[in-house]
Protein backbone atom coordinates (compact mmCIF):
# COMPACT_ATOMS: atom_id res chain seq x y z
CA UNK A 1 -29.30 -9.35 12.49
CA UNK A 2 -26.45 -6.78 11.85
CA UNK A 3 -24.75 -6.58 8.91
CA UNK A 4 -21.20 -8.11 8.91
CA UNK A 5 -18.47 -5.34 8.26
CA UNK A 6 -17.83 -7.14 5.08
CA UNK A 7 -21.19 -6.92 3.99
CA UNK A 8 -21.44 -3.11 4.75
CA UNK A 9 -18.00 -2.76 2.54
CA UNK A 10 -19.33 -4.71 -0.25
CA UNK A 11 -22.61 -2.53 -0.44
CA UNK A 12 -20.34 0.74 -0.53
CA UNK A 13 -19.29 -0.34 -4.21
CA UNK A 14 -21.58 1.46 -6.42
CA UNK A 15 -21.46 1.70 -9.70
CA UNK A 16 -21.06 5.53 -10.82
CA UNK A 17 -20.28 6.60 -7.35
CA UNK A 18 -16.96 5.26 -6.95
CA UNK A 19 -15.53 4.25 -3.40
CA UNK A 20 -12.18 6.28 -3.15
CA UNK A 21 -9.65 4.50 -1.16
CA UNK A 22 -6.73 6.33 0.06
CA UNK A 23 -3.61 3.60 0.26
CA UNK A 24 -1.77 3.66 3.47
CA UNK A 25 1.70 3.01 3.73
CA UNK A 26 2.37 2.37 7.80
CA UNK A 27 0.68 1.91 10.93
CA UNK A 28 0.89 6.07 11.47
CA UNK A 29 -0.74 6.69 8.04
CA UNK A 30 -3.48 4.05 8.75
CA UNK A 31 -4.42 5.46 12.36
CA UNK A 32 -4.12 9.22 11.11
CA UNK A 33 -7.10 8.23 8.46
CA UNK A 34 -9.27 7.14 11.42
CA UNK A 35 -8.47 10.66 13.17
CA UNK A 36 -9.78 12.00 9.81
CA UNK A 37 -13.00 9.93 10.49
CA UNK A 38 -12.43 7.71 7.24
CA UNK A 39 -12.71 4.05 8.69
CA UNK A 40 -11.72 2.57 5.45
CA UNK A 41 -7.92 1.51 5.57
CA UNK A 42 -6.35 -0.06 2.40
CA UNK A 43 -3.10 -1.22 2.23
CA UNK A 44 -0.81 -0.97 -0.68
CA UNK A 45 2.34 -3.53 -1.22
CA UNK A 46 4.52 -1.26 -2.70
CA UNK A 47 4.30 1.68 -0.09
CA UNK A 48 4.27 -0.66 2.85
CA UNK A 49 7.39 -2.54 1.49
CA UNK A 50 9.54 0.60 0.84
CA UNK A 51 8.47 2.28 4.11
CA UNK A 52 9.65 -0.60 6.07
CA UNK A 53 13.00 -1.22 3.90
CA UNK A 54 12.03 -3.99 1.62
CA UNK A 55 11.57 -4.14 -2.10
CA UNK A 56 8.38 -4.76 -3.47
CA UNK A 57 7.28 -8.34 -4.34
CA UNK A 58 6.66 -10.42 -1.24
CA UNK A 59 10.14 -9.63 0.16
CA UNK A 60 8.32 -8.24 3.48
CA UNK A 61 7.86 -11.39 5.47
CA UNK A 62 4.14 -12.15 5.76
CA UNK A 63 4.10 -12.68 9.46
CA UNK A 64 5.66 -9.24 9.54
CA UNK A 65 2.85 -7.81 7.37
CA UNK A 66 0.31 -9.51 9.43
CA UNK A 67 2.06 -7.65 12.20
CA UNK A 68 1.54 -4.34 11.13
CA UNK A 69 -2.27 -5.18 9.80
CA UNK A 70 -3.02 -6.13 13.79
CA UNK A 71 -2.17 -2.63 14.75
CA UNK A 72 -4.41 -0.93 12.48
CA UNK A 73 -7.27 -1.39 14.84
CA UNK A 74 -9.24 -4.20 12.56
CA UNK A 75 -12.05 -3.93 15.39
CA UNK A 76 -13.18 -0.42 14.60
CA UNK A 77 -11.56 0.20 11.09
CA UNK A 78 -12.26 -1.90 7.59
CA UNK A 79 -8.84 -3.03 6.63
CA UNK A 80 -8.39 -4.38 3.10
CA UNK A 81 -4.77 -5.90 2.38
CA UNK A 82 -2.96 -6.09 -0.89
CA UNK A 83 -1.30 -9.60 -0.63
CA UNK A 84 0.66 -9.57 -3.91
CA UNK A 85 0.50 -12.82 -5.28
CA UNK A 86 -0.60 -14.59 -2.47
CA UNK A 87 2.66 -15.19 -0.53
CA UNK A 88 1.98 -18.78 -1.40
CA UNK A 89 4.05 -21.15 -3.28
CA UNK A 90 0.90 -23.56 -3.23
CA UNK A 91 -2.89 -23.86 -2.73
CA UNK A 92 -2.06 -25.04 1.17
CA UNK A 93 -0.21 -22.12 1.69
CA UNK A 94 -2.50 -19.94 0.09
CA UNK A 95 -5.49 -21.34 2.29
CA UNK A 96 -3.18 -21.03 5.57
CA UNK A 97 -2.49 -17.33 4.66
CA UNK A 98 -6.17 -16.72 4.08
CA UNK A 99 -7.11 -18.00 7.39
CA UNK A 100 -4.39 -15.91 9.38
CA UNK A 101 -5.79 -12.75 7.85
CA UNK A 102 -9.35 -13.50 7.96
CA UNK A 103 -8.51 -14.24 11.85
CA UNK A 104 -6.75 -10.52 11.92
CA UNK A 105 -9.87 -9.09 11.43
CA UNK A 106 -9.49 -7.79 7.93
CA UNK A 107 -12.60 -7.18 5.81
CA UNK A 108 -10.74 -7.81 2.29
CA UNK A 109 -8.02 -8.47 0.04
CA UNK A 110 -6.22 -7.83 -3.52
CA UNK A 111 -4.72 -10.94 -4.84
CA UNK A 112 -2.98 -10.76 -8.35
CA UNK A 113 -2.79 -13.04 -10.99
CA UNK A 114 1.01 -12.10 -11.96
CA UNK A 115 3.50 -14.70 -10.62
CA UNK A 116 5.65 -12.86 -7.99
CA UNK A 117 8.70 -10.99 -9.16
CA UNK A 118 7.82 -11.88 -13.05
CA UNK A 119 5.98 -10.60 -15.73
CA UNK A 120 4.16 -13.66 -16.27
CA UNK A 121 0.60 -14.42 -15.30
CA UNK A 122 -0.91 -17.43 -14.19
CA UNK A 123 -3.53 -19.00 -16.64
CA UNK A 124 -6.96 -18.49 -16.51
CA UNK A 125 -7.67 -22.03 -15.01
CA UNK A 126 -4.50 -21.61 -12.45
CA UNK A 127 -5.71 -18.29 -11.13
CA UNK A 128 -9.59 -19.71 -11.22
CA UNK A 129 -8.36 -22.53 -8.75
CA UNK A 130 -6.44 -19.92 -6.66
CA UNK A 131 -9.38 -18.04 -6.14
CA UNK A 132 -11.77 -21.02 -5.34
CA UNK A 133 -9.03 -21.92 -2.59
CA UNK A 134 -9.55 -18.67 -1.10
CA UNK A 135 -13.74 -18.85 -1.42
CA UNK A 136 -13.45 -22.36 0.16
CA UNK A 137 -11.34 -21.31 2.82
CA UNK A 138 -13.77 -18.54 3.64
CA UNK A 139 -16.60 -21.06 3.79
CA UNK A 140 -14.96 -23.39 5.82
CA UNK A 141 -14.53 -20.50 8.37
CA UNK A 142 -17.83 -19.34 7.99
CA UNK A 143 -16.54 -15.93 7.52
CA UNK A 144 -17.01 -13.48 4.38
CA UNK A 145 -13.97 -11.78 2.77
CA UNK A 146 -13.93 -9.14 0.00
CA UNK A 147 -12.05 -10.64 -2.67
CA UNK A 148 -10.77 -7.94 -5.10
CA UNK A 149 -9.26 -9.85 -8.00
CA UNK A 150 -6.48 -8.21 -9.63
CA UNK A 151 -5.47 -8.96 -13.18
CA UNK A 152 -2.34 -7.48 -14.34
CA UNK A 153 -3.50 -7.54 -18.24
CA UNK A 154 -2.84 -3.89 -18.59
CA UNK A 155 0.00 -3.26 -16.56
CA UNK A 156 2.37 -5.73 -17.88
CA UNK A 157 4.55 -4.19 -20.90
CA UNK A 158 3.72 -0.78 -22.59
CA UNK A 159 0.79 0.51 -20.80
CA UNK A 160 0.19 3.00 -23.17
CA UNK A 161 0.00 0.57 -26.05
CA UNK A 162 -2.22 -1.76 -23.69
CA UNK A 163 -4.89 0.85 -23.18
CA UNK A 164 -5.14 1.20 -27.33
CA UNK A 165 -5.54 -2.94 -27.48
CA UNK A 166 -9.03 -4.13 -28.27
CA UNK A 167 -7.80 -7.68 -28.73
CA UNK A 168 -6.33 -7.28 -25.14
CA UNK A 169 -9.65 -5.98 -23.94
CA UNK A 170 -11.34 -8.81 -25.15
CA UNK A 171 -8.94 -11.16 -23.28
CA UNK A 172 -9.06 -9.33 -20.37
CA UNK A 173 -13.22 -9.68 -20.56
CA UNK A 174 -12.71 -13.06 -21.10
CA UNK A 175 -10.16 -13.59 -18.07
CA UNK A 176 -12.52 -11.50 -15.91
CA UNK A 177 -15.67 -13.53 -16.54
CA UNK A 178 -13.76 -16.97 -15.83
CA UNK A 179 -12.51 -15.20 -12.32
CA UNK A 180 -16.30 -14.07 -11.65
CA UNK A 181 -17.52 -17.62 -11.84
CA UNK A 182 -15.67 -18.49 -8.66
CA UNK A 183 -17.45 -15.98 -6.37
CA UNK A 184 -15.23 -12.80 -6.72
CA UNK A 185 -16.30 -9.62 -5.17
CA UNK A 186 -14.43 -7.30 -7.85
CA UNK A 187 -12.12 -6.64 -10.27
CA UNK A 188 -8.66 -4.71 -9.90
CA UNK A 189 -7.16 -3.56 -13.15
CA UNK A 190 -4.16 -1.37 -12.75
CA UNK A 191 -3.21 0.47 -15.86
CA UNK A 192 -6.71 0.69 -17.45
CA UNK A 193 -7.08 4.15 -18.28
CA UNK A 194 -8.85 4.10 -21.58
CA UNK A 195 -12.37 5.18 -20.79
CA UNK A 196 -14.15 3.47 -23.92
CA UNK A 197 -12.43 0.14 -22.92
CA UNK A 198 -13.70 0.70 -19.27
CA UNK A 199 -17.49 1.53 -20.49
CA UNK A 200 -17.13 -1.78 -22.59
CA UNK A 201 -15.83 -3.64 -19.49
CA UNK A 202 -18.45 -2.46 -16.91
CA UNK A 203 -21.06 -3.40 -19.58
CA UNK A 204 -19.82 -7.09 -20.02
CA UNK A 205 -18.65 -7.66 -16.40
CA UNK A 206 -20.98 -8.52 -13.47
CA UNK A 207 -18.71 -7.38 -10.37
CA UNK A 208 -17.53 -4.12 -9.51
CA UNK A 209 -14.53 -2.49 -11.23
CA UNK A 210 -11.61 -0.95 -9.31
CA UNK A 211 -8.81 1.06 -11.13
CA UNK A 212 -5.90 2.76 -10.05
CA UNK A 213 -5.25 6.28 -10.48
CA UNK A 214 -2.19 8.85 -9.81
CA UNK A 215 -2.97 11.03 -7.26
CA UNK A 216 -1.25 13.88 -8.69
CA UNK A 217 -1.39 13.25 -12.60
CA UNK A 218 -5.13 12.09 -12.75
CA UNK A 219 -8.32 13.86 -11.94
CA UNK A 220 -11.41 11.92 -10.63
CA UNK A 221 -13.72 13.80 -12.43
CA UNK A 222 -12.67 12.45 -15.55
CA UNK A 223 -13.43 8.86 -14.35
CA UNK A 224 -16.99 9.38 -12.95
CA UNK A 225 -20.14 8.50 -14.79
CA UNK A 226 -18.48 5.56 -16.99
CA UNK A 227 -19.47 2.49 -14.63
CA UNK A 228 -16.34 2.52 -12.19
CA UNK A 229 -17.03 1.24 -8.55
CA UNK A 230 -14.11 2.01 -6.82
CA UNK A 231 -10.80 3.77 -7.29
CA UNK A 232 -7.28 3.50 -5.47
CA UNK A 233 -4.18 5.59 -5.91
CA UNK A 234 -1.31 2.97 -5.36
CA UNK A 235 2.06 3.65 -4.31
CA UNK A 236 1.15 7.57 -5.39
CA UNK A 237 -0.24 8.85 -2.41
CA UNK A 238 3.21 7.68 -0.59
CA UNK A 239 5.16 9.21 -2.86
CA UNK A 240 3.61 12.41 -2.50
CA UNK A 241 3.86 12.40 1.03
CA UNK A 242 7.27 12.17 0.55
CA UNK A 243 8.03 15.07 -1.53
CA UNK A 244 6.24 17.33 1.28
CA UNK A 245 8.41 18.96 3.18
CA UNK A 246 7.28 18.99 6.93
CA UNK A 247 6.09 15.48 6.55
CA UNK A 248 3.01 16.44 8.53
CA UNK A 249 0.46 13.83 8.43
CA UNK A 250 -2.42 15.86 9.85
CA UNK A 251 -1.82 18.72 7.33
CA UNK A 252 -1.10 16.43 4.20
CA UNK A 253 -4.18 14.37 4.72
CA UNK A 254 -6.43 17.74 5.22
CA UNK A 255 -5.12 19.27 2.07
CA UNK A 256 -5.72 15.80 0.56
CA UNK A 257 -9.08 15.45 1.67
CA UNK A 258 -10.31 18.71 0.79
CA UNK A 259 -11.62 18.16 -2.51
CA UNK A 260 -12.36 14.69 -2.15
CA UNK A 261 -14.75 15.34 0.84
CA UNK A 262 -16.58 18.38 -1.16
CA UNK A 263 -17.44 15.42 -4.07
CA UNK A 264 -18.56 13.00 -1.28
CA UNK A 265 -21.15 15.62 -0.30
CA UNK A 266 -22.07 16.34 -3.82
CA UNK A 267 -22.80 12.77 -3.83
CA UNK A 268 -20.32 11.42 -6.49
CA UNK A 269 -18.29 9.24 -4.86
CA UNK A 270 -18.14 7.56 -1.41
CA UNK A 271 -15.02 8.10 1.15
CA UNK A 272 -16.25 5.42 3.75
CA UNK A 273 -16.10 8.23 6.57
CA UNK A 274 -17.19 7.66 9.95
CA UNK A 275 -20.77 9.37 10.28
């Protein structure tokens, strides 16, 4: 029996050989990645919202988001979608949205534990119920979905101070350990940069760890061999692209991929390229 696309995507998450995702912002940037032989298409909520004229925070209508996703060639590509807090007021809405996303052909989602347009996190138990709802929807549909559970523990407040807060580290691990019991496939912690925190985190959790770097300010080399399984760049690629004078996507991606392809060929990272 052939592996599903989601199963292939799961296998690409390897500790100490991080899967590097280049977040896109529209249909054109998604399809240009495919031309570069990269079949992994990760959306980013801020970049897509800004590009299409919305403020981040679930202001882009969900149906409009779905429409863009369906034009990103989900048959051949491996599309993972940032759905922020789920575009849902309750578990019924959340289940309906997950069903629609699965039917669109995606392989994964990122879902936050922060209440939309606030600095308030769902309680651990509330988010556990939301994650269980997603798993139950997948089970009912007999479909797989890579659930990357994002926690904003490090992303709320003073990020620099958060990265020096041992109590926050312990609280984050406790939160993640509860999320793990729901059957999630990965944990995403934007704002996390402290390498000692990362090492401790990866030692005490069982799912792949995803961190977010800034394409201009951070070096991937600094985050190799400390347990990370996935690296993404949030809106920083979109912002860098908007700074270029010619806005030529082919040239932009060629430059962006030059170092990354070298690292992939050296066995340091995985770009999920079409071989």
